Amino acid sequence: MMQDTAFHYLRYPWGVSFTGMLLVAGPAGGVLVDTALPEAVDGFLLPQFRHFGFSLSALRLVINTHHHEDHAGGNARLRELCGAKFAIHRAGAAGLEAAGFRPDLLLRDGALLESAGLRFEIIHTPGHSPDSACVLESASGTLFTGDAFQGCGTVYTGIALYIDPEAYLQSVAKIEALFRQGRIRRILCGHACAPFDGDVPEEEIPAFLEICRETVLRYSRAAEAYLADHPRPDAAELGRQLLKRFGVTAAPGLPGLEKHTAQAHLAAR
């Protein structure tokens, strides 16, 4: 079956970088992981489908890695255009519904989805958000991570963005275990996560996951030092310090989001 299956890592240009999607197309149809922003559907996704000779009517299933708009914002428009089912980890249902979109399928960790002759496993990897999940195409070992793993950070936020550092570290360990079992052979991210470009080949996966872990630990040590000197801590100030010390850019495309990572570390103390 693999020789008839095509993998298209789609990078929607967004500001200073891109938002990634994955189209897996087989003889019986296709599955799309994430939909980027609302304007991406007509302006980017449909032209990409045509470029690859993929018919929109053949799209059977859409899986969201989490509910954030830059990954699920195209859902509503895509639903208008095709009959695909939409799925997300059950922790993300409320987020989609708050944006006016009701998913068809609510998933649990370890859920197996079969569609269009393709098989996917849902791996719950919270940390960036409570509903963050990776999507593993079982036959190829291709893991699409959305925002679950951030390396040293992206040019959008400057630093790695998450709301629960302990859950993030547990998720890193979970993927490392699957890699050691030989189940993961390629990682595709939702953005370019420094120092990688978003497409992590098998031989670089251990280094990528170690960078994800060490980044959290560096931030944690910095937060401890900050708390020792600031009896009344301020998340925005700590965020600016993290950005100054560890940022992959001094001018992130979405300034201010570093505060959320800082707040997560303060809350963990």
C-alpha atoms as a PDB file:
ATOM      1  CA  MET A   1       0.000   0.000   0.000  1.00  0.00           C
ATOM      2  CA  MET A   2       2.835   2.421   0.805  1.00  0.00           C
ATOM      3  CA  GLN A   3       4.013   2.621  -2.797  1.00  0.00           C
ATOM      4  CA  ASP A   4       0.590   4.033  -3.727  1.00  0.00           C
ATOM      5  CA  THR A   5       0.475   6.511  -0.843  1.00  0.00           C
ATOM      6  CA  ALA A   6       1.725  10.087  -1.240  1.00  0.00           C
ATOM      7  CA  PHE A   7       2.729  12.369   1.636  1.00  0.00           C
ATOM      8  CA  HIS A   8       2.517  16.113   1.055  1.00  0.00           C
ATOM      9  CA  TYR A   9       3.898  18.400   3.777  1.00  0.00           C
ATOM     10  CA  LEU A  10       2.051  21.622   2.999  1.00  0.00           C
ATOM     11  CA  ARG A  11       3.497  24.884   4.330  1.00  0.00           C
ATOM     12  CA  TYR A  12       1.057  27.758   4.260  1.00  0.00           C
ATOM     13  CA  PRO A  13       3.027  31.055   4.228  1.00  0.00           C
ATOM     14  CA  TRP A  14       1.961  32.989   7.303  1.00  0.00           C
ATOM     15  CA  GLY A  15       3.755  36.177   8.285  1.00  0.00           C
ATOM     16  CA  VAL A  16       7.382  35.478   9.067  1.00  0.00           C
ATOM     17  CA  SER A  17       7.182  31.716   8.535  1.00  0.00           C
ATOM     18  CA  PHE A  18       4.565  29.040   7.820  1.00  0.00           C
ATOM     19  CA  THR A  19       1.823  26.896   9.288  1.00  0.00           C
ATOM     20  CA  GLY A  20       2.141  23.252   8.318  1.00  0.00           C
ATOM     21  CA  MET A  21      -0.429  20.692   7.212  1.00  0.00           C
ATOM     22  CA  LEU A  22      -0.093  17.106   6.051  1.00  0.00           C
ATOM     23  CA  LEU A  23      -2.039  15.567   3.193  1.00  0.00           C
ATOM     24  CA  VAL A  24      -1.803  11.788   2.959  1.00  0.00           C
ATOM     25  CA  ALA A  25      -3.306  10.619  -0.321  1.00  0.00           C
ATOM     26  CA  GLY A  26      -3.963   7.005  -1.240  1.00  0.00           C
ATOM     27  CA  PRO A  27      -5.817   5.216  -4.034  1.00  0.00           C
ATOM     28  CA  ALA A  28      -9.103   5.317  -2.091  1.00  0.00           C
ATOM     29  CA  GLY A  29      -8.923   8.947  -0.973  1.00  0.00           C
ATOM     30  CA  GLY A  30      -7.028  11.154   1.422  1.00  0.00           C
ATOM     31  CA  VAL A  31      -6.664  12.402   4.974  1.00  0.00           C
ATOM     32  CA  LEU A  32      -5.633  15.936   5.937  1.00  0.00           C
ATOM     33  CA  VAL A  33      -4.016  16.860   9.238  1.00  0.00           C
ATOM     34  CA  ASP A  34      -4.758  20.471  10.239  1.00  0.00           C
ATOM     35  CA  THR A  35      -6.321  23.198   8.105  1.00  0.00           C
ATOM     36  CA  ALA A  36      -4.285  26.330   8.986  1.00  0.00           C
ATOM     37  CA  LEU A  37      -6.158  29.655   8.956  1.00  0.00           C
ATOM     38  CA  PRO A  38      -9.539  30.411   7.332  1.00  0.00           C
ATOM     39  CA  GLU A  39      -7.995  32.234   4.377  1.00  0.00           C
ATOM     40  CA  ALA A  40      -5.605  29.348   3.708  1.00  0.00           C
ATOM     41  CA  VAL A  41      -8.278  27.076   2.254  1.00  0.00           C
ATOM     42  CA  ASP A  42      -9.130  28.952  -0.942  1.00  0.00           C
ATOM     43  CA  GLY A  43      -5.841  30.809  -1.283  1.00  0.00           C
ATOM     44  CA  PHE A  44      -3.439  27.938  -0.641  1.00  0.00           C
ATOM     45  CA  LEU A  45      -4.888  24.547   0.183  1.00  0.00           C
ATOM     46  CA  LEU A  46      -7.130  24.110  -2.857  1.00  0.00           C
ATOM     47  CA  PRO A  47      -4.388  25.204  -5.290  1.00  0.00           C
ATOM     48  CA  GLN A  48      -2.061  22.716  -3.588  1.00  0.00           C
ATOM     49  CA  PHE A  49      -4.614  19.953  -4.031  1.00  0.00           C
ATOM     50  CA  ARG A  50      -4.845  20.769  -7.732  1.00  0.00           C
ATOM     51  CA  HIS A  51      -1.056  20.896  -8.034  1.00  0.00           C
ATOM     52  CA  PHE A  52      -0.767  17.381  -6.651  1.00  0.00           C
ATOM     53  CA  GLY A  53      -3.700  16.094  -8.687  1.00  0.00           C
ATOM     54  CA  PHE A  54      -5.789  15.457  -5.580  1.00  0.00           C
ATOM     55  CA  SER A  55      -9.545  15.931  -5.859  1.00  0.00           C
ATOM     56  CA  LEU A  56     -11.270  17.695  -2.960  1.00  0.00           C
ATOM     57  CA  SER A  57     -14.112  15.197  -3.272  1.00  0.00           C
ATOM     58  CA  ALA A  58     -11.614  12.465  -2.325  1.00  0.00           C
ATOM     59  CA  LEU A  59     -10.898  14.020   1.078  1.00  0.00           C
ATOM     60  CA  ARG A  60     -12.382  11.627   3.627  1.00  0.00           C
ATOM     61  CA  LEU A  61     -11.085  12.810   6.989  1.00  0.00           C
ATOM     62  CA  VAL A  62      -9.572  15.909   8.601  1.00  0.00           C
ATOM     63  CA  ILE A  63      -7.726  15.562  11.904  1.00  0.00           C
ATOM     64  CA  ASN A  64      -6.865  18.623  13.994  1.00  0.00           C
ATOM     65  CA  THR A  65      -3.783  18.422  16.209  1.00  0.00           C
ATOM     66  CA  HIS A  66      -5.367  20.999  18.530  1.00  0.00           C
ATOM     67  CA  HIS A  67      -7.968  23.749  18.454  1.00  0.00           C
ATOM     68  CA  HIS A  68      -5.817  26.873  17.914  1.00  0.00           C
ATOM     69  CA  GLU A  69      -6.905  28.946  14.933  1.00  0.00           C
ATOM     70  CA  ASP A  70      -3.649  28.712  13.002  1.00  0.00           C
ATOM     71  CA  HIS A  71      -4.157  24.934  12.908  1.00  0.00           C
ATOM     72  CA  ALA A  72      -7.934  24.519  12.816  1.00  0.00           C
ATOM     73  CA  GLY A  73      -9.105  27.858  11.436  1.00  0.00           C
ATOM     74  CA  GLY A  74      -9.789  26.456   7.976  1.00  0.00           C
ATOM     75  CA  ASN A  75     -12.221  23.821   9.252  1.00  0.00           C
ATOM     76  CA  ALA A  76     -15.457  25.686   8.600  1.00  0.00           C
ATOM     77  CA  ARG A  77     -14.582  26.699   5.053  1.00  0.00           C
ATOM     78  CA  LEU A  78     -13.365  23.222   4.200  1.00  0.00           C
ATOM     79  CA  ARG A  79     -16.563  21.689   5.573  1.00  0.00           C
ATOM     80  CA  GLU A  80     -18.539  23.935   3.214  1.00  0.00           C
ATOM     81  CA  LEU A  81     -16.648  22.473   0.270  1.00  0.00           C
ATOM     82  CA  CYS A  82     -16.505  18.740   0.953  1.00  0.00           C
ATOM     83  CA  GLY A  83     -18.020  15.876   2.892  1.00  0.00           C
ATOM     84  CA  ALA A  84     -15.003  14.971   5.004  1.00  0.00           C
ATOM     85  CA  LYS A  85     -15.411  14.124   8.683  1.00  0.00           C
ATOM     86  CA  PHE A  86     -13.546  16.291  11.206  1.00  0.00           C
ATOM     87  CA  ALA A  87     -11.804  14.860  14.263  1.00  0.00           C
ATOM     88  CA  ILE A  88      -9.911  16.217  17.270  1.00  0.00           C
ATOM     89  CA  HIS A  89      -8.819  14.968  20.676  1.00  0.00           C
ATOM     90  CA  ARG A  90     -11.789  15.270  22.994  1.00  0.00           C
ATOM     91  CA  ALA A  91      -9.988  17.886  25.116  1.00  0.00           C
ATOM     92  CA  GLY A  92     -10.150  20.218  22.102  1.00  0.00           C
ATOM     93  CA  ALA A  93     -13.890  20.000  21.482  1.00  0.00           C
ATOM     94  CA  ALA A  94     -14.765  23.010  23.624  1.00  0.00           C
ATOM     95  CA  GLY A  95     -12.148  25.142  21.899  1.00  0.00           C
ATOM     96  CA  LEU A  96     -13.512  24.354  18.448  1.00  0.00           C
ATOM     97  CA  GLU A  97     -17.099  24.818  19.565  1.00  0.00           C
ATOM     98  CA  ALA A  98     -16.246  28.210  21.069  1.00  0.00           C
ATOM     99  CA  ALA A  99     -15.152  29.209  17.568  1.00  0.00           C
ATOM    100  CA  GLY A 100     -18.454  27.970  16.150  1.00  0.00           C
ATOM    101  CA  PHE A 101     -17.298  24.604  14.820  1.00  0.00           C
ATOM    102  CA  ARG A 102     -18.551  21.220  15.982  1.00  0.00           C
ATOM    103  CA  PRO A 103     -16.256  18.273  15.184  1.00  0.00           C
ATOM    104  CA  ASP A 104     -17.687  14.958  14.031  1.00  0.00           C
ATOM    105  CA  LEU A 105     -15.330  12.716  15.990  1.00  0.00           C
ATOM    106  CA  LEU A 106     -13.869  13.156  19.475  1.00  0.00           C
ATOM    107  CA  LEU A 107     -10.733  11.107  20.020  1.00  0.00           C
ATOM    108  CA  ARG A 108      -8.867   9.598  22.943  1.00  0.00           C
ATOM    109  CA  ASP A 109      -5.202   8.820  23.399  1.00  0.00           C
ATOM    110  CA  GLY A 110      -4.330   5.726  21.405  1.00  0.00           C
ATOM    111  CA  ALA A 111      -7.356   5.970  19.128  1.00  0.00           C
ATOM    112  CA  LEU A 112      -6.905   4.232  15.778  1.00  0.00           C
ATOM    113  CA  LEU A 113      -8.519   5.796  12.731  1.00  0.00           C
ATOM    114  CA  GLU A 114      -8.893   4.024   9.424  1.00  0.00           C
ATOM    115  CA  SER A 115     -10.020   6.039   6.432  1.00  0.00           C
ATOM    116  CA  ALA A 116      -9.474   5.743   2.681  1.00  0.00           C
ATOM    117  CA  GLY A 117      -7.347   2.652   3.249  1.00  0.00           C
ATOM    118  CA  LEU A 118      -5.021   4.625   5.535  1.00  0.00           C
ATOM    119  CA  ARG A 119      -4.389   4.033   9.230  1.00  0.00           C
ATOM    120  CA  PHE A 120      -3.568   6.664  11.842  1.00  0.00           C
ATOM    121  CA  GLU A 121      -2.943   6.628  15.580  1.00  0.00           C
ATOM    122  CA  ILE A 122      -3.747   9.552  17.863  1.00  0.00           C
ATOM    123  CA  ILE A 123      -1.092  10.215  20.503  1.00  0.00           C
ATOM    124  CA  HIS A 124      -2.159  12.697  23.172  1.00  0.00           C
ATOM    125  CA  THR A 125       0.802  14.996  23.860  1.00  0.00           C
ATOM    126  CA  PRO A 126      -0.384  17.850  26.104  1.00  0.00           C
ATOM    127  CA  GLY A 127       1.861  20.677  27.210  1.00  0.00           C
ATOM    128  CA  HIS A 128       1.557  23.296  24.501  1.00  0.00           C
ATOM    129  CA  SER A 129      -2.194  23.027  25.068  1.00  0.00           C
ATOM    130  CA  PRO A 130      -4.342  20.500  26.956  1.00  0.00           C
ATOM    131  CA  ASP A 131      -5.655  19.026  23.702  1.00  0.00           C
ATOM    132  CA  SER A 132      -2.401  18.834  21.746  1.00  0.00           C
ATOM    133  CA  ALA A 133      -2.123  15.501  19.964  1.00  0.00           C
ATOM    134  CA  CYS A 134       0.228  14.011  17.405  1.00  0.00           C
ATOM    135  CA  VAL A 135      -1.007  12.035  14.428  1.00  0.00           C
ATOM    136  CA  LEU A 136       1.021   8.956  13.459  1.00  0.00           C
ATOM    137  CA  GLU A 137       0.633   7.396  10.023  1.00  0.00           C
ATOM    138  CA  SER A 138       1.393   3.872  11.051  1.00  0.00           C
ATOM    139  CA  ALA A 139       2.752   2.334   7.847  1.00  0.00           C
ATOM    140  CA  SER A 140       5.392   4.993   7.177  1.00  0.00           C
ATOM    141  CA  GLY A 141       6.162   6.045  10.743  1.00  0.00           C
ATOM    142  CA  THR A 142       5.379   9.667   9.862  1.00  0.00           C
ATOM    143  CA  LEU A 143       4.411  11.699  12.938  1.00  0.00           C
ATOM    144  CA  PHE A 144       2.734  15.071  12.483  1.00  0.00           C
ATOM    145  CA  THR A 145       3.065  17.033  15.720  1.00  0.00           C
ATOM    146  CA  GLY A 146       1.265  20.339  15.204  1.00  0.00           C
ATOM    147  CA  ASP A 147       2.529  22.567  18.028  1.00  0.00           C
ATOM    148  CA  ALA A 148       3.199  19.745  20.494  1.00  0.00           C
ATOM    149  CA  PHE A 149       6.997  20.039  20.244  1.00  0.00           C
ATOM    150  CA  GLN A 150       8.723  23.357  19.718  1.00  0.00           C
ATOM    151  CA  GLY A 151      12.463  22.824  19.744  1.00  0.00           C
ATOM    152  CA  CYS A 152      14.084  26.079  20.891  1.00  0.00           C
ATOM    153  CA  GLY A 153      11.031  28.016  19.733  1.00  0.00           C
ATOM    154  CA  THR A 154       9.609  29.515  16.567  1.00  0.00           C
ATOM    155  CA  VAL A 155      10.018  32.913  14.952  1.00  0.00           C
ATOM    156  CA  TYR A 156       6.389  33.612  15.854  1.00  0.00           C
ATOM    157  CA  THR A 157       6.901  33.451  19.614  1.00  0.00           C
ATOM    158  CA  GLY A 158      10.689  33.674  19.978  1.00  0.00           C
ATOM    159  CA  ILE A 159      10.730  30.942  22.617  1.00  0.00           C
ATOM    160  CA  ALA A 160       8.997  27.593  22.989  1.00  0.00           C
ATOM    161  CA  LEU A 161       5.313  28.143  23.775  1.00  0.00           C
ATOM    162  CA  TYR A 162       3.482  25.897  26.244  1.00  0.00           C
ATOM    163  CA  ILE A 163       1.180  26.164  29.249  1.00  0.00           C
ATOM    164  CA  ASP A 164       2.287  23.116  31.249  1.00  0.00           C
ATOM    165  CA  PRO A 165       6.025  22.360  31.397  1.00  0.00           C
ATOM    166  CA  GLU A 166       5.647  19.057  33.247  1.00  0.00           C
ATOM    167  CA  ALA A 167       3.084  17.734  30.771  1.00  0.00           C
ATOM    168  CA  TYR A 168       5.333  18.903  27.932  1.00  0.00           C
ATOM    169  CA  LEU A 169       8.287  16.933  29.314  1.00  0.00           C
ATOM    170  CA  GLN A 170       6.115  13.851  29.765  1.00  0.00           C
ATOM    171  CA  SER A 171       4.991  14.171  26.156  1.00  0.00           C
ATOM    172  CA  VAL A 172       8.608  14.367  24.990  1.00  0.00           C
ATOM    173  CA  ALA A 173       9.362  11.162  26.906  1.00  0.00           C
ATOM    174  CA  LYS A 174       6.298   9.493  25.390  1.00  0.00           C
ATOM    175  CA  ILE A 175       7.460  10.179  21.835  1.00  0.00           C
ATOM    176  CA  GLU A 176      11.020   9.133  22.679  1.00  0.00           C
ATOM    177  CA  ALA A 177       9.686   5.762  23.821  1.00  0.00           C
ATOM    178  CA  LEU A 178       7.775   5.283  20.566  1.00  0.00           C
ATOM    179  CA  PHE A 179      10.885   6.224  18.599  1.00  0.00           C
ATOM    180  CA  ARG A 180      12.970   3.650  20.460  1.00  0.00           C
ATOM    181  CA  GLN A 181      10.334   1.060  19.550  1.00  0.00           C
ATOM    182  CA  GLY A 182      10.956   1.863  15.884  1.00  0.00           C
ATOM    183  CA  ARG A 183       7.475   3.257  15.349  1.00  0.00           C
ATOM    184  CA  ILE A 184       8.489   6.809  14.381  1.00  0.00           C
ATOM    185  CA  ARG A 185      10.756   7.472  11.418  1.00  0.00           C
ATOM    186  CA  ARG A 186       9.954  11.056  10.501  1.00  0.00           C
ATOM    187  CA  ILE A 187       8.576  14.060  12.390  1.00  0.00           C
ATOM    188  CA  LEU A 188       6.718  16.910  10.712  1.00  0.00           C
ATOM    189  CA  CYS A 189       5.997  20.002  12.810  1.00  0.00           C
ATOM    190  CA  GLY A 190       3.306  22.625  12.521  1.00  0.00           C
ATOM    191  CA  HIS A 191       5.946  25.368  12.237  1.00  0.00           C
ATOM    192  CA  ALA A 192       9.698  25.599  11.795  1.00  0.00           C
ATOM    193  CA  CYS A 193      10.962  24.831  15.302  1.00  0.00           C
ATOM    194  CA  ALA A 194      14.533  26.056  15.694  1.00  0.00           C
ATOM    195  CA  PRO A 195      17.077  24.785  14.910  1.00  0.00           C
ATOM    196  CA  PHE A 196      15.038  22.569  12.539  1.00  0.00           C
ATOM    197  CA  ASP A 197      12.966  23.585   9.535  1.00  0.00           C
ATOM    198  CA  GLY A 198       9.878  21.605  10.523  1.00  0.00           C
ATOM    199  CA  ASP A 199      10.829  18.361   8.764  1.00  0.00           C
ATOM    200  CA  VAL A 200      12.897  16.149  11.066  1.00  0.00           C
ATOM    201  CA  PRO A 201      14.351  12.981   9.474  1.00  0.00           C
ATOM    202  CA  GLU A 202      14.804   9.782  11.448  1.00  0.00           C
ATOM    203  CA  GLU A 203      18.483  10.293  12.217  1.00  0.00           C
ATOM    204  CA  GLU A 204      17.811  13.716  13.765  1.00  0.00           C
ATOM    205  CA  ILE A 205      14.779  12.794  15.875  1.00  0.00           C
ATOM    206  CA  PRO A 206      16.770  12.027  19.070  1.00  0.00           C
ATOM    207  CA  ALA A 207      18.519  15.406  18.879  1.00  0.00           C
ATOM    208  CA  PHE A 208      15.246  17.214  18.202  1.00  0.00           C
ATOM    209  CA  LEU A 209      13.511  15.667  21.213  1.00  0.00           C
ATOM    210  CA  GLU A 210      16.527  16.301  23.447  1.00  0.00           C
ATOM    211  CA  ILE A 211      16.481  19.966  22.407  1.00  0.00           C
ATOM    212  CA  CYS A 212      12.787  20.115  23.286  1.00  0.00           C
ATOM    213  CA  ARG A 213      13.545  18.737  26.754  1.00  0.00           C
ATOM    214  CA  GLU A 214      16.625  20.858  27.419  1.00  0.00           C
ATOM    215  CA  THR A 215      14.787  24.012  26.370  1.00  0.00           C
ATOM    216  CA  VAL A 216      12.170  23.454  29.077  1.00  0.00           C
ATOM    217  CA  LEU A 217      14.850  22.749  31.664  1.00  0.00           C
ATOM    218  CA  ARG A 218      16.743  25.935  30.750  1.00  0.00           C
ATOM    219  CA  TYR A 219      13.588  27.987  31.138  1.00  0.00           C
ATOM    220  CA  SER A 220      12.877  26.266  34.445  1.00  0.00           C
ATOM    221  CA  ARG A 221      16.295  27.144  35.831  1.00  0.00           C
ATOM    222  CA  ALA A 222      15.874  30.732  34.675  1.00  0.00           C
ATOM    223  CA  ALA A 223      12.462  30.913  36.352  1.00  0.00           C
ATOM    224  CA  GLU A 224      13.913  29.625  39.621  1.00  0.00           C
ATOM    225  CA  ALA A 225      16.637  32.269  39.533  1.00  0.00           C
ATOM    226  CA  TYR A 226      14.071  34.954  38.736  1.00  0.00           C
ATOM    227  CA  LEU A 227      11.845  33.911  41.636  1.00  0.00           C
ATOM    228  CA  ALA A 228      14.780  34.021  44.024  1.00  0.00           C
ATOM    229  CA  ASP A 229      15.252  37.714  43.223  1.00  0.00           C
ATOM    230  CA  HIS A 230      11.598  38.730  42.765  1.00  0.00           C
ATOM    231  CA  PRO A 231       9.238  38.037  45.678  1.00  0.00           C
ATOM    232  CA  ARG A 232       6.401  39.486  43.574  1.00  0.00           C
ATOM    233  CA  PRO A 233       7.001  37.829  40.212  1.00  0.00           C
ATOM    234  CA  ASP A 234       5.591  39.199  36.986  1.00  0.00           C
ATOM    235  CA  ALA A 235       5.015  36.791  34.087  1.00  0.00           C
ATOM    236  CA  ALA A 236       5.447  39.461  31.441  1.00  0.00           C
ATOM    237  CA  GLU A 237       8.820  40.483  32.875  1.00  0.00           C
ATOM    238  CA  LEU A 238      10.010  36.885  33.107  1.00  0.00           C
ATOM    239  CA  GLY A 239       8.811  36.316  29.556  1.00  0.00           C
ATOM    240  CA  ARG A 240      10.912  39.218  28.343  1.00  0.00           C
ATOM    241  CA  GLN A 241      13.919  37.816  30.173  1.00  0.00           C
ATOM    242  CA  LEU A 242      13.425  34.384  28.610  1.00  0.00           C
ATOM    243  CA  LEU A 243      13.125  35.979  25.192  1.00  0.00           C
ATOM    244  CA  LYS A 244      16.276  38.037  25.718  1.00  0.00           C
ATOM    245  CA  ARG A 245      18.340  35.100  26.987  1.00  0.00           C
ATOM    246  CA  PHE A 246      17.024  32.223  24.905  1.00  0.00           C
ATOM    247  CA  GLY A 247      14.974  33.662  22.068  1.00  0.00           C
ATOM    248  CA  VAL A 248      15.534  32.459  18.510  1.00  0.00           C
ATOM    249  CA  THR A 249      14.692  35.998  17.404  1.00  0.00           C
ATOM    250  CA  ALA A 250      14.643  39.361  19.157  1.00  0.00           C
ATOM    251  CA  ALA A 251      11.532  40.396  17.224  1.00  0.00           C
ATOM    252  CA  PRO A 252       8.957  37.573  17.251  1.00  0.00           C
ATOM    253  CA  GLY A 253       6.134  37.750  14.744  1.00  0.00           C
ATOM    254  CA  LEU A 254       3.528  37.440  17.511  1.00  0.00           C
ATOM    255  CA  PRO A 255       5.059  39.473  20.355  1.00  0.00           C
ATOM    256  CA  GLY A 256       3.859  38.967  23.903  1.00  0.00           C
ATOM    257  CA  LEU A 257       3.105  35.251  23.727  1.00  0.00           C
ATOM    258  CA  GLU A 258       6.293  34.484  25.643  1.00  0.00           C
ATOM    259  CA  LYS A 259       4.326  35.555  28.724  1.00  0.00           C
ATOM    260  CA  HIS A 260       2.331  32.304  28.591  1.00  0.00           C
ATOM    261  CA  THR A 261       5.425  30.122  28.862  1.00  0.00           C
ATOM    262  CA  ALA A 262       6.710  32.293  31.694  1.00  0.00           C
ATOM    263  CA  GLN A 263       3.378  32.050  33.516  1.00  0.00           C
ATOM    264  CA  ALA A 264       3.454  28.273  33.144  1.00  0.00           C
ATOM    265  CA  HIS A 265       6.818  28.105  34.892  1.00  0.00           C
ATOM    266  CA  LEU A 266       5.731  30.478  37.648  1.00  0.00           C
ATOM    267  CA  ALA A 267       2.589  28.415  38.234  1.00  0.00           C
ATOM    268  CA  ALA A 268       4.691  25.272  38.520  1.00  0.00           C
ATOM    269  CA  ARG A 269       6.640  26.687  41.464  1.00  0.00           C
END
